[in-house]
Amino acid sequence: MTVRARDVDAALLHYLVSAGYRQVDAHGLAAFMVESIARGGRSVVVFADNRIPPDVVEEDSPRALIRRYLDGGGKVVLLGANPLAYRADPLTGVVEDIDFAPAEKVFG
């Protein structure tokens, strides 16, 4: 039996939703982070597919929304290596390089 990454992602998502987590798309995630920063509440975001959407990392710097969310008391769970380190071909999606410098700029 072959287990594909997409199958694992779907299983993780199903488990998290059944445990009370809310599934959001990239736009919803950005809105949630902005809202969490504004109210100063604590919350946790789990990236079930270990991909960080551009909506929350519009730049590789400490000013990125995801960094501001963390600084505001939020927590982020990544289920593998930091995905900001992977540089993929924009057409094929094939990883061409691994560079942790962009991840370091955002996460410190």
PDB file of N, CA and C in Angstrom:
ATOM      1  N   MET A   1       0.841  -1.177   0.000  1.00  0.00           N
ATOM      2  CA  MET A   1       0.000   0.000   0.000  1.00  0.00           C
ATOM      3  C   MET A   1       0.888   1.244   0.000  1.00  0.00           C
ATOM      4  N   THR A   2       0.575   2.181  -0.868  1.00  0.00           N
ATOM      5  CA  THR A   2       1.303   3.437  -0.942  1.00  0.00           C
ATOM      6  C   THR A   2       0.504   4.524  -0.249  1.00  0.00           C
ATOM      7  N   VAL A   3       1.160   5.243   0.646  1.00  0.00           N
ATOM      8  CA  VAL A   3       0.518   6.366   1.329  1.00  0.00           C
ATOM      9  C   VAL A   3       1.068   7.643   0.713  1.00  0.00           C
ATOM     10  N   ARG A   4       0.185   8.434   0.179  1.00  0.00           N
ATOM     11  CA  ARG A   4       0.579   9.694  -0.445  1.00  0.00           C
ATOM     12  C   ARG A   4       0.477  10.813   0.581  1.00  0.00           C
ATOM     13  N   ALA A   5       1.305  11.837   0.426  1.00  0.00           N
ATOM     14  CA  ALA A   5       1.297  12.978   1.349  1.00  0.00           C
ATOM     15  C   ALA A   5      -0.093  13.596   1.437  1.00  0.00           C
ATOM     16  N   ARG A   6      -0.792  13.642   0.325  1.00  0.00           N
ATOM     17  CA  ARG A   6      -2.138  14.224   0.310  1.00  0.00           C
ATOM     18  C   ARG A   6      -3.089  13.431   1.213  1.00  0.00           C
ATOM     19  N   ASP A   7      -2.916  12.099   1.255  1.00  0.00           N
ATOM     20  CA  ASP A   7      -3.735  11.260   2.127  1.00  0.00           C
ATOM     21  C   ASP A   7      -3.460  11.570   3.595  1.00  0.00           C
ATOM     22  N   VAL A   8      -2.180  11.745   3.920  1.00  0.00           N
ATOM     23  CA  VAL A   8      -1.802  12.067   5.300  1.00  0.00           C
ATOM     24  C   VAL A   8      -2.355  13.437   5.677  1.00  0.00           C
ATOM     25  N   ASP A   9      -2.225  14.412   4.783  1.00  0.00           N
ATOM     26  CA  ASP A   9      -2.761  15.749   5.028  1.00  0.00           C
ATOM     27  C   ASP A   9      -4.254  15.690   5.314  1.00  0.00           C
ATOM     28  N   ALA A  10      -4.986  14.935   4.511  1.00  0.00           N
ATOM     29  CA  ALA A  10      -6.437  14.831   4.678  1.00  0.00           C
ATOM     30  C   ALA A  10      -6.788  14.165   6.004  1.00  0.00           C
ATOM     31  N   ALA A  11      -6.037  13.137   6.382  1.00  0.00           N
ATOM     32  CA  ALA A  11      -6.288  12.455   7.659  1.00  0.00           C
ATOM     33  C   ALA A  11      -6.025  13.390   8.833  1.00  0.00           C
ATOM     34  N   LEU A  12      -4.933  14.145   8.757  1.00  0.00           N
ATOM     35  CA  LEU A  12      -4.625  15.111   9.817  1.00  0.00           C
ATOM     36  C   LEU A  12      -5.706  16.182   9.913  1.00  0.00           C
ATOM     37  N   LEU A  13      -6.128  16.685   8.778  1.00  0.00           N
ATOM     38  CA  LEU A  13      -7.173  17.698   8.758  1.00  0.00           C
ATOM     39  C   LEU A  13      -8.449  17.163   9.388  1.00  0.00           C
ATOM     40  N   HIS A  14      -8.848  15.965   9.001  1.00  0.00           N
ATOM     41  CA  HIS A  14     -10.064  15.350   9.555  1.00  0.00           C
ATOM     42  C   HIS A  14      -9.938  15.213  11.075  1.00  0.00           C
ATOM     43  N   TYR A  15      -8.796  14.747  11.542  1.00  0.00           N
ATOM     44  CA  TYR A  15      -8.580  14.580  12.976  1.00  0.00           C
ATOM     45  C   TYR A  15      -8.682  15.923  13.710  1.00  0.00           C
ATOM     46  N   LEU A  16      -8.023  16.942  13.177  1.00  0.00           N
ATOM     47  CA  LEU A  16      -8.033  18.254  13.839  1.00  0.00           C
ATOM     48  C   LEU A  16      -9.434  18.860  13.865  1.00  0.00           C
ATOM     49  N   VAL A  17     -10.156  18.766  12.768  1.00  0.00           N
ATOM     50  CA  VAL A  17     -11.524  19.297  12.722  1.00  0.00           C
ATOM     51  C   VAL A  17     -12.410  18.539  13.714  1.00  0.00           C
ATOM     52  N   SER A  18     -12.252  17.222  13.796  1.00  0.00           N
ATOM     53  CA  SER A  18     -13.065  16.448  14.737  1.00  0.00           C
ATOM     54  C   SER A  18     -12.705  16.768  16.189  1.00  0.00           C
ATOM     55  N   ALA A  19     -11.500  17.296  16.412  1.00  0.00           N
ATOM     56  CA  ALA A  19     -11.072  17.679  17.759  1.00  0.00           C
ATOM     57  C   ALA A  19     -11.460  19.120  18.104  1.00  0.00           C
ATOM     58  N   GLY A  20     -12.145  19.806  17.167  1.00  0.00           N
ATOM     59  CA  GLY A  20     -12.634  21.144  17.454  1.00  0.00           C
ATOM     60  C   GLY A  20     -11.906  22.283  16.764  1.00  0.00           C
ATOM     61  N   TYR A  21     -10.862  21.966  15.989  1.00  0.00           N
ATOM     62  CA  TYR A  21     -10.185  23.014  15.230  1.00  0.00           C
ATOM     63  C   TYR A  21     -11.066  23.419  14.057  1.00  0.00           C
ATOM     64  N   ARG A  22     -10.907  24.642  13.608  1.00  0.00           N
ATOM     65  CA  ARG A  22     -11.688  25.156  12.482  1.00  0.00           C
ATOM     66  C   ARG A  22     -10.804  25.191  11.243  1.00  0.00           C
ATOM     67  N   GLN A  23     -11.284  24.673  10.137  1.00  0.00           N
ATOM     68  CA  GLN A  23     -10.555  24.710   8.879  1.00  0.00           C
ATOM     69  C   GLN A  23     -10.788  26.053   8.203  1.00  0.00           C
ATOM     70  N   VAL A  24      -9.706  26.681   7.732  1.00  0.00           N
ATOM     71  CA  VAL A  24      -9.823  27.945   7.013  1.00  0.00           C
ATOM     72  C   VAL A  24      -8.948  27.892   5.765  1.00  0.00           C
ATOM     73  N   ASP A  25      -9.310  28.712   4.789  1.00  0.00           N
ATOM     74  CA  ASP A  25      -8.473  28.830   3.600  1.00  0.00           C
ATOM     75  C   ASP A  25      -7.430  29.925   3.860  1.00  0.00           C
ATOM     76  N   ALA A  26      -6.600  30.221   2.866  1.00  0.00           N
ATOM     77  CA  ALA A  26      -5.520  31.194   3.035  1.00  0.00           C
ATOM     78  C   ALA A  26      -6.050  32.572   3.439  1.00  0.00           C
ATOM     79  N   HIS A  27      -7.118  33.018   2.780  1.00  0.00           N
ATOM     80  CA  HIS A  27      -7.692  34.326   3.109  1.00  0.00           C
ATOM     81  C   HIS A  27      -8.269  34.322   4.523  1.00  0.00           C
ATOM     82  N   GLY A  28      -8.962  33.246   4.882  1.00  0.00           N
ATOM     83  CA  GLY A  28      -9.527  33.124   6.223  1.00  0.00           C
ATOM     84  C   GLY A  28      -8.449  33.073   7.287  1.00  0.00           C
ATOM     85  N   LEU A  29      -7.313  32.441   6.973  1.00  0.00           N
ATOM     86  CA  LEU A  29      -6.205  32.376   7.911  1.00  0.00           C
ATOM     87  C   LEU A  29      -5.644  33.771   8.171  1.00  0.00           C
ATOM     88  N   ALA A  30      -5.441  34.536   7.101  1.00  0.00           N
ATOM     89  CA  ALA A  30      -4.926  35.900   7.265  1.00  0.00           C
ATOM     90  C   ALA A  30      -5.886  36.739   8.103  1.00  0.00           C
ATOM     91  N   ALA A  31      -7.184  36.640   7.822  1.00  0.00           N
ATOM     92  CA  ALA A  31      -8.185  37.391   8.591  1.00  0.00           C
ATOM     93  C   ALA A  31      -8.171  36.960  10.056  1.00  0.00           C
ATOM     94  N   PHE A  32      -8.063  35.661  10.308  1.00  0.00           N
ATOM     95  CA  PHE A  32      -8.008  35.148  11.679  1.00  0.00           C
ATOM     96  C   PHE A  32      -6.797  35.704  12.415  1.00  0.00           C
ATOM     97  N   MET A  33      -5.648  35.721  11.748  1.00  0.00           N
ATOM     98  CA  MET A  33      -4.439  36.230  12.398  1.00  0.00           C
ATOM     99  C   MET A  33      -4.550  37.716  12.714  1.00  0.00           C
ATOM    100  N   VAL A  34      -5.083  38.489  11.782  1.00  0.00           N
ATOM    101  CA  VAL A  34      -5.272  39.924  12.011  1.00  0.00           C
ATOM    102  C   VAL A  34      -6.210  40.135  13.201  1.00  0.00           C
ATOM    103  N   GLU A  35      -7.299  39.390  13.226  1.00  0.00           N
ATOM    104  CA  GLU A  35      -8.279  39.476  14.311  1.00  0.00           C
ATOM    105  C   GLU A  35      -7.652  39.083  15.652  1.00  0.00           C
ATOM    106  N   SER A  36      -6.862  38.033  15.666  1.00  0.00           N
ATOM    107  CA  SER A  36      -6.204  37.577  16.892  1.00  0.00           C
ATOM    108  C   SER A  36      -5.218  38.617  17.413  1.00  0.00           C
ATOM    109  N   ILE A  37      -4.479  39.242  16.515  1.00  0.00           N
ATOM    110  CA  ILE A  37      -3.541  40.294  16.911  1.00  0.00           C
ATOM    111  C   ILE A  37      -4.298  41.450  17.545  1.00  0.00           C
ATOM    112  N   ALA A  38      -5.411  41.845  16.923  1.00  0.00           N
ATOM    113  CA  ALA A  38      -6.191  42.988  17.398  1.00  0.00           C
ATOM    114  C   ALA A  38      -6.778  42.754  18.787  1.00  0.00           C
ATOM    115  N   ARG A  39      -7.228  41.545  19.049  1.00  0.00           N
ATOM    116  CA  ARG A  39      -7.859  41.279  20.347  1.00  0.00           C
ATOM    117  C   ARG A  39      -6.870  40.801  21.396  1.00  0.00           C
ATOM    118  N   GLY A  40      -5.648  40.497  20.977  1.00  0.00           N
ATOM    119  CA  GLY A  40      -4.609  40.099  21.914  1.00  0.00           C
ATOM    120  C   GLY A  40      -4.832  38.755  22.570  1.00  0.00           C
ATOM    121  N   GLY A  41      -5.685  37.946  21.978  1.00  0.00           N
ATOM    122  CA  GLY A  41      -5.961  36.635  22.555  1.00  0.00           C
ATOM    123  C   GLY A  41      -4.957  35.590  22.131  1.00  0.00           C
ATOM    124  N   ARG A  42      -4.924  34.530  22.884  1.00  0.00           N
ATOM    125  CA  ARG A  42      -4.046  33.412  22.546  1.00  0.00           C
ATOM    126  C   ARG A  42      -4.806  32.429  21.670  1.00  0.00           C
ATOM    127  N   SER A  43      -4.114  31.907  20.674  1.00  0.00           N
ATOM    128  CA  SER A  43      -4.719  30.929  19.776  1.00  0.00           C
ATOM    129  C   SER A  43      -3.604  30.091  19.166  1.00  0.00           C
ATOM    130  N   VAL A  44      -3.994  29.008  18.518  1.00  0.00           N
ATOM    131  CA  VAL A  44      -3.036  28.101  17.884  1.00  0.00           C
ATOM    132  C   VAL A  44      -3.483  27.847  16.454  1.00  0.00           C
ATOM    133  N   VAL A  45      -2.540  27.923  15.529  1.00  0.00           N
ATOM    134  CA  VAL A  45      -2.776  27.576  14.131  1.00  0.00           C
ATOM    135  C   VAL A  45      -1.922  26.359  13.825  1.00  0.00           C
ATOM    136  N   VAL A  46      -2.563  25.305  13.330  1.00  0.00           N
ATOM    137  CA  VAL A  46      -1.857  24.091  12.940  1.00  0.00           C
ATOM    138  C   VAL A  46      -1.898  24.001  11.414  1.00  0.00           C
ATOM    139  N   PHE A  47      -0.749  23.900  10.790  1.00  0.00           N
ATOM    140  CA  PHE A  47      -0.676  23.750   9.342  1.00  0.00           C
ATOM    141  C   PHE A  47      -0.657  22.260   9.028  1.00  0.00           C
ATOM    142  N   ALA A  48      -1.841  21.695   8.799  1.00  0.00           N
ATOM    143  CA  ALA A  48      -1.976  20.256   8.583  1.00  0.00           C
ATOM    144  C   ALA A  48      -1.213  19.779   7.351  1.00  0.00           C
ATOM    145  N   ASP A  49      -1.068  20.638   6.351  1.00  0.00           N
ATOM    146  CA  ASP A  49      -0.344  20.234   5.143  1.00  0.00           C
ATOM    147  C   ASP A  49       1.073  20.797   5.103  1.00  0.00           C
ATOM    148  N   ASN A  50       1.475  21.471   6.194  1.00  0.00           N
ATOM    149  CA  ASN A  50       2.820  22.028   6.334  1.00  0.00           C
ATOM    150  C   ASN A  50       3.194  22.957   5.179  1.00  0.00           C
ATOM    151  N   ARG A  51       2.220  23.740   4.744  1.00  0.00           N
ATOM    152  CA  ARG A  51       2.456  24.787   3.744  1.00  0.00           C
ATOM    153  C   ARG A  51       1.962  26.094   4.331  1.00  0.00           C
ATOM    154  N   ILE A  52       2.761  27.133   4.202  1.00  0.00           N
ATOM    155  CA  ILE A  52       2.364  28.444   4.708  1.00  0.00           C
ATOM    156  C   ILE A  52       1.954  29.289   3.511  1.00  0.00           C
ATOM    157  N   PRO A  53       0.689  29.729   3.468  1.00  0.00           N
ATOM    158  CA  PRO A  53       0.229  30.489   2.295  1.00  0.00           C
ATOM    159  C   PRO A  53       0.855  31.879   2.226  1.00  0.00           C
ATOM    160  N   PRO A  54       1.062  32.371   1.019  1.00  0.00           N
ATOM    161  CA  PRO A  54       1.644  33.699   0.836  1.00  0.00           C
ATOM    162  C   PRO A  54       0.847  34.814   1.537  1.00  0.00           C
ATOM    163  N   ASP A  55      -0.443  34.600   1.757  1.00  0.00           N
ATOM    164  CA  ASP A  55      -1.265  35.619   2.418  1.00  0.00           C
ATOM    165  C   ASP A  55      -0.726  36.004   3.793  1.00  0.00           C
ATOM    166  N   VAL A  56      -0.026  35.100   4.472  1.00  0.00           N
ATOM    167  CA  VAL A  56       0.480  35.403   5.810  1.00  0.00           C
ATOM    168  C   VAL A  56       1.993  35.599   5.840  1.00  0.00           C
ATOM    169  N   VAL A  57       2.645  35.378   4.700  1.00  0.00           N
ATOM    170  CA  VAL A  57       4.079  35.622   4.579  1.00  0.00           C
ATOM    171  C   VAL A  57       4.304  36.419   3.298  1.00  0.00           C
ATOM    172  N   GLU A  58       3.767  37.628   3.293  1.00  0.00           N
ATOM    173  CA  GLU A  58       3.868  38.446   2.092  1.00  0.00           C
ATOM    174  C   GLU A  58       5.295  38.913   1.838  1.00  0.00           C
ATOM    175  N   GLU A  59       6.150  38.769   2.862  1.00  0.00           N
ATOM    176  CA  GLU A  59       7.554  39.113   2.709  1.00  0.00           C
ATOM    177  C   GLU A  59       8.361  38.271   3.688  1.00  0.00           C
ATOM    178  N   ASP A  60       9.610  38.003   3.363  1.00  0.00           N
ATOM    179  CA  ASP A  60      10.477  37.249   4.261  1.00  0.00           C
ATOM    180  C   ASP A  60      11.133  38.222   5.230  1.00  0.00           C
ATOM    181  N   SER A  61      10.386  38.627   6.246  1.00  0.00           N
ATOM    182  CA  SER A  61      10.915  39.566   7.223  1.00  0.00           C
ATOM    183  C   SER A  61      10.123  39.476   8.513  1.00  0.00           C
ATOM    184  N   PRO A  62      10.610  40.121   9.562  1.00  0.00           N
ATOM    185  CA  PRO A  62       9.880  40.133  10.831  1.00  0.00           C
ATOM    186  C   PRO A  62       8.540  40.886  10.751  1.00  0.00           C
ATOM    187  N   ARG A  63       8.279  41.568   9.646  1.00  0.00           N
ATOM    188  CA  ARG A  63       7.009  42.288   9.476  1.00  0.00           C
ATOM    189  C   ARG A  63       5.914  41.399   8.871  1.00  0.00           C
ATOM    190  N   ALA A  64       6.260  40.178   8.513  1.00  0.00           N
ATOM    191  CA  ALA A  64       5.281  39.258   7.933  1.00  0.00           C
ATOM    192  C   ALA A  64       4.148  39.031   8.932  1.00  0.00           C
ATOM    193  N   LEU A  65       2.942  38.869   8.432  1.00  0.00           N
ATOM    194  CA  LEU A  65       1.769  38.692   9.286  1.00  0.00           C
ATOM    195  C   LEU A  65       1.947  37.536  10.257  1.00  0.00           C
ATOM    196  N   ILE A  66       2.503  36.429   9.810  1.00  0.00           N
ATOM    197  CA  ILE A  66       2.663  35.281  10.698  1.00  0.00           C
ATOM    198  C   ILE A  66       3.594  35.626  11.870  1.00  0.00           C
ATOM    199  N   ARG A  67       4.612  36.444  11.639  1.00  0.00           N
ATOM    200  CA  ARG A  67       5.524  36.873  12.706  1.00  0.00           C
ATOM    201  C   ARG A  67       4.791  37.773  13.693  1.00  0.00           C
ATOM    202  N   ARG A  68       3.979  38.688  13.163  1.00  0.00           N
ATOM    203  CA  ARG A  68       3.209  39.588  14.047  1.00  0.00           C
ATOM    204  C   ARG A  68       2.206  38.784  14.874  1.00  0.00           C
ATOM    205  N   TYR A  69       1.625  37.740  14.280  1.00  0.00           N
ATOM    206  CA  TYR A  69       0.706  36.862  14.998  1.00  0.00           C
ATOM    207  C   TYR A  69       1.432  36.188  16.161  1.00  0.00           C
ATOM    208  N   LEU A  70       2.629  35.677  15.905  1.00  0.00           N
ATOM    209  CA  LEU A  70       3.412  35.046  16.967  1.00  0.00           C
ATOM    210  C   LEU A  70       3.780  36.050  18.058  1.00  0.00           C
ATOM    211  N   ASP A  71       4.192  37.227  17.653  1.00  0.00           N
ATOM    212  CA  ASP A  71       4.548  38.264  18.621  1.00  0.00           C
ATOM    213  C   ASP A  71       3.350  38.705  19.452  1.00  0.00           C
ATOM    214  N   GLY A  72       2.144  38.549  18.901  1.00  0.00           N
ATOM    215  CA  GLY A  72       0.922  38.917  19.609  1.00  0.00           C
ATOM    216  C   GLY A  72       0.399  37.829  20.538  1.00  0.00           C
ATOM    217  N   GLY A  73       1.143  36.740  20.686  1.00  0.00           N
ATOM    218  CA  GLY A  73       0.737  35.679  21.600  1.00  0.00           C
ATOM    219  C   GLY A  73       0.224  34.426  20.935  1.00  0.00           C
ATOM    220  N   GLY A  74       0.111  34.422  19.600  1.00  0.00           N
ATOM    221  CA  GLY A  74      -0.356  33.234  18.893  1.00  0.00           C
ATOM    222  C   GLY A  74       0.724  32.171  18.828  1.00  0.00           C
ATOM    223  N   LYS A  75       0.309  30.967  18.576  1.00  0.00           N
ATOM    224  CA  LYS A  75       1.218  29.830  18.417  1.00  0.00           C
ATOM    225  C   LYS A  75       0.990  29.203  17.051  1.00  0.00           C
ATOM    226  N   VAL A  76       2.065  28.673  16.475  1.00  0.00           N
ATOM    227  CA  VAL A  76       1.994  28.010  15.171  1.00  0.00           C
ATOM    228  C   VAL A  76       2.600  26.620  15.299  1.00  0.00           C
ATOM    229  N   VAL A  77       1.913  25.623  14.738  1.00  0.00           N
ATOM    230  CA  VAL A  77       2.416  24.252  14.738  1.00  0.00           C
ATOM    231  C   VAL A  77       2.691  23.854  13.294  1.00  0.00           C
ATOM    232  N   LEU A  78       3.942  23.509  13.030  1.00  0.00           N
ATOM    233  CA  LEU A  78       4.352  22.982  11.730  1.00  0.00           C
ATOM    234  C   LEU A  78       4.665  21.507  11.937  1.00  0.00           C
ATOM    235  N   LEU A  79       4.183  20.649  11.082  1.00  0.00           N
ATOM    236  CA  LEU A  79       4.324  19.208  11.267  1.00  0.00           C
ATOM    237  C   LEU A  79       5.505  18.615  10.512  1.00  0.00           C
ATOM    238  N   GLY A  80       6.461  19.442  10.214  1.00  0.00           N
ATOM    239  CA  GLY A  80       7.666  19.010   9.518  1.00  0.00           C
ATOM    240  C   GLY A  80       8.646  20.162   9.526  1.00  0.00           C
ATOM    241  N   ALA A  81       9.642  20.076   8.682  1.00  0.00           N
ATOM    242  CA  ALA A  81      10.600  21.177   8.558  1.00  0.00           C
ATOM    243  C   ALA A  81       9.874  22.440   8.125  1.00  0.00           C
ATOM    244  N   ASN A  82      10.422  23.574   8.478  1.00  0.00           N
ATOM    245  CA  ASN A  82       9.784  24.838   8.137  1.00  0.00           C
ATOM    246  C   ASN A  82       9.644  24.956   6.617  1.00  0.00           C
ATOM    247  N   PRO A  83       8.405  25.046   6.118  1.00  0.00           N
ATOM    248  CA  PRO A  83       8.184  25.060   4.673  1.00  0.00           C
ATOM    249  C   PRO A  83       8.703  26.308   3.972  1.00  0.00           C
ATOM    250  N   LEU A  84       9.018  27.360   4.714  1.00  0.00           N
ATOM    251  CA  LEU A  84       9.569  28.552   4.069  1.00  0.00           C
ATOM    252  C   LEU A  84      10.982  28.300   3.540  1.00  0.00           C
ATOM    253  N   ALA A  85      11.603  27.205   3.962  1.00  0.00           N
ATOM    254  CA  ALA A  85      12.952  26.882   3.507  1.00  0.00           C
ATOM    255  C   ALA A  85      12.979  26.258   2.116  1.00  0.00           C
ATOM    256  N   TYR A  86      11.845  25.759   1.665  1.00  0.00           N
ATOM    257  CA  TYR A  86      11.809  25.061   0.378  1.00  0.00           C
ATOM    258  C   TYR A  86      11.566  26.036  -0.763  1.00  0.00           C
ATOM    259  N   ARG A  87      12.393  25.943  -1.767  1.00  0.00           N
ATOM    260  CA  ARG A  87      12.224  26.748  -2.977  1.00  0.00           C
ATOM    261  C   ARG A  87      11.840  25.805  -4.109  1.00  0.00           C
ATOM    262  N   ALA A  88      10.613  25.977  -4.591  1.00  0.00           N
ATOM    263  CA  ALA A  88      10.090  25.080  -5.627  1.00  0.00           C
ATOM    264  C   ALA A  88       9.974  25.803  -6.960  1.00  0.00           C
ATOM    265  N   ASP A  89      10.065  25.031  -8.007  1.00  0.00           N
ATOM    266  CA  ASP A  89       9.826  25.553  -9.345  1.00  0.00           C
ATOM    267  C   ASP A  89       8.374  26.005  -9.404  1.00  0.00           C
ATOM    268  N   PRO A  90       8.107  27.258  -9.816  1.00  0.00           N
ATOM    269  CA  PRO A  90       6.725  27.759  -9.820  1.00  0.00           C
ATOM    270  C   PRO A  90       5.793  27.023 -10.775  1.00  0.00           C
ATOM    271  N   LEU A  91       6.324  26.394 -11.797  1.00  0.00           N
ATOM    272  CA  LEU A  91       5.477  25.686 -12.754  1.00  0.00           C
ATOM    273  C   LEU A  91       5.209  24.235 -12.353  1.00  0.00           C
ATOM    274  N   THR A  92       6.248  23.557 -11.876  1.00  0.00           N
ATOM    275  CA  THR A  92       6.101  22.134 -11.574  1.00  0.00           C
ATOM    276  C   THR A  92       5.856  21.847 -10.095  1.00  0.00           C
ATOM    277  N   GLY A  93       6.266  22.769  -9.223  1.00  0.00           N
ATOM    278  CA  GLY A  93       6.140  22.541  -7.786  1.00  0.00           C
ATOM    279  C   GLY A  93       7.239  21.661  -7.223  1.00  0.00           C
ATOM    280  N   VAL A  94       8.181  21.250  -8.064  1.00  0.00           N
ATOM    281  CA  VAL A  94       9.283  20.400  -7.630  1.00  0.00           C
ATOM    282  C   VAL A  94      10.279  21.232  -6.824  1.00  0.00           C
ATOM    283  N   VAL A  95      10.652  20.729  -5.650  1.00  0.00           N
ATOM    284  CA  VAL A  95      11.618  21.430  -4.803  1.00  0.00           C
ATOM    285  C   VAL A  95      12.975  21.419  -5.493  1.00  0.00           C
ATOM    286  N   GLU A  96      13.537  22.620  -5.669  1.00  0.00           N
ATOM    287  CA  GLU A  96      14.820  22.762  -6.341  1.00  0.00           C
ATOM    288  C   GLU A  96      15.949  23.086  -5.378  1.00  0.00           C
ATOM    289  N   ASP A  97      15.597  23.657  -4.217  1.00  0.00           N
ATOM    290  CA  ASP A  97      16.621  24.093  -3.278  1.00  0.00           C
ATOM    291  C   ASP A  97      16.019  24.166  -1.879  1.00  0.00           C
ATOM    292  N   ILE A  98      16.872  24.040  -0.887  1.00  0.00           N
ATOM    293  CA  ILE A  98      16.462  24.227   0.507  1.00  0.00           C
ATOM    294  C   ILE A  98      17.357  25.307   1.085  1.00  0.00           C
ATOM    295  N   ASP A  99      16.730  26.367   1.569  1.00  0.00           N
ATOM    296  CA  ASP A  99      17.460  27.510   2.111  1.00  0.00           C
ATOM    297  C   ASP A  99      16.704  28.009   3.334  1.00  0.00           C
ATOM    298  N   PHE A 100      17.279  27.856   4.522  1.00  0.00           N
ATOM    299  CA  PHE A 100      16.600  28.246   5.749  1.00  0.00           C
ATOM    300  C   PHE A 100      16.710  29.735   6.050  1.00  0.00           C
ATOM    301  N   ALA A 101      17.419  30.513   5.226  1.00  0.00           N
ATOM    302  CA  ALA A 101      17.559  31.950   5.474  1.00  0.00           C
ATOM    303  C   ALA A 101      16.200  32.675   5.465  1.00  0.00           C
ATOM    304  N   PRO A 102      15.316  32.424   4.491  1.00  0.00           N
ATOM    305  CA  PRO A 102      14.006  33.100   4.535  1.00  0.00           C
ATOM    306  C   PRO A 102      13.201  32.748   5.792  1.00  0.00           C
ATOM    307  N   ALA A 103      13.251  31.490   6.206  1.00  0.00           N
ATOM    308  CA  ALA A 103      12.549  31.072   7.421  1.00  0.00           C
ATOM    309  C   ALA A 103      13.131  31.782   8.634  1.00  0.00           C
ATOM    310  N   GLU A 104      14.444  31.932   8.672  1.00  0.00           N
ATOM    311  CA  GLU A 104      15.114  32.616   9.771  1.00  0.00           C
ATOM    312  C   GLU A 104      14.701  34.090   9.834  1.00  0.00           C
ATOM    313  N   LYS A 105      14.544  34.724   8.676  1.00  0.00           N
ATOM    314  CA  LYS A 105      14.124  36.130   8.654  1.00  0.00           C
ATOM    315  C   LYS A 105      12.740  36.314   9.264  1.00  0.00           C
ATOM    316  N   VAL A 106      11.845  35.375   9.014  1.00  0.00           N
ATOM    317  CA  VAL A 106      10.476  35.484   9.510  1.00  0.00           C
ATOM    318  C   VAL A 106      10.373  35.021  10.957  1.00  0.00           C
ATOM    319  N   PHE A 107      10.945  33.874  11.263  1.00  0.00           N
ATOM    320  CA  PHE A 107      10.739  33.261  12.572  1.00  0.00           C
ATOM    321  C   PHE A 107      11.838  33.561  13.585  1.00  0.00           C
ATOM    322  N   GLY A 108      12.973  34.080  13.109  1.00  0.00           N
ATOM    323  CA  GLY A 108      14.046  34.402  14.049  1.00  0.00           C
ATOM    324  C   GLY A 108      14.839  33.200  14.475  1.00  0.00           C
TER     325      GLY A 108
END
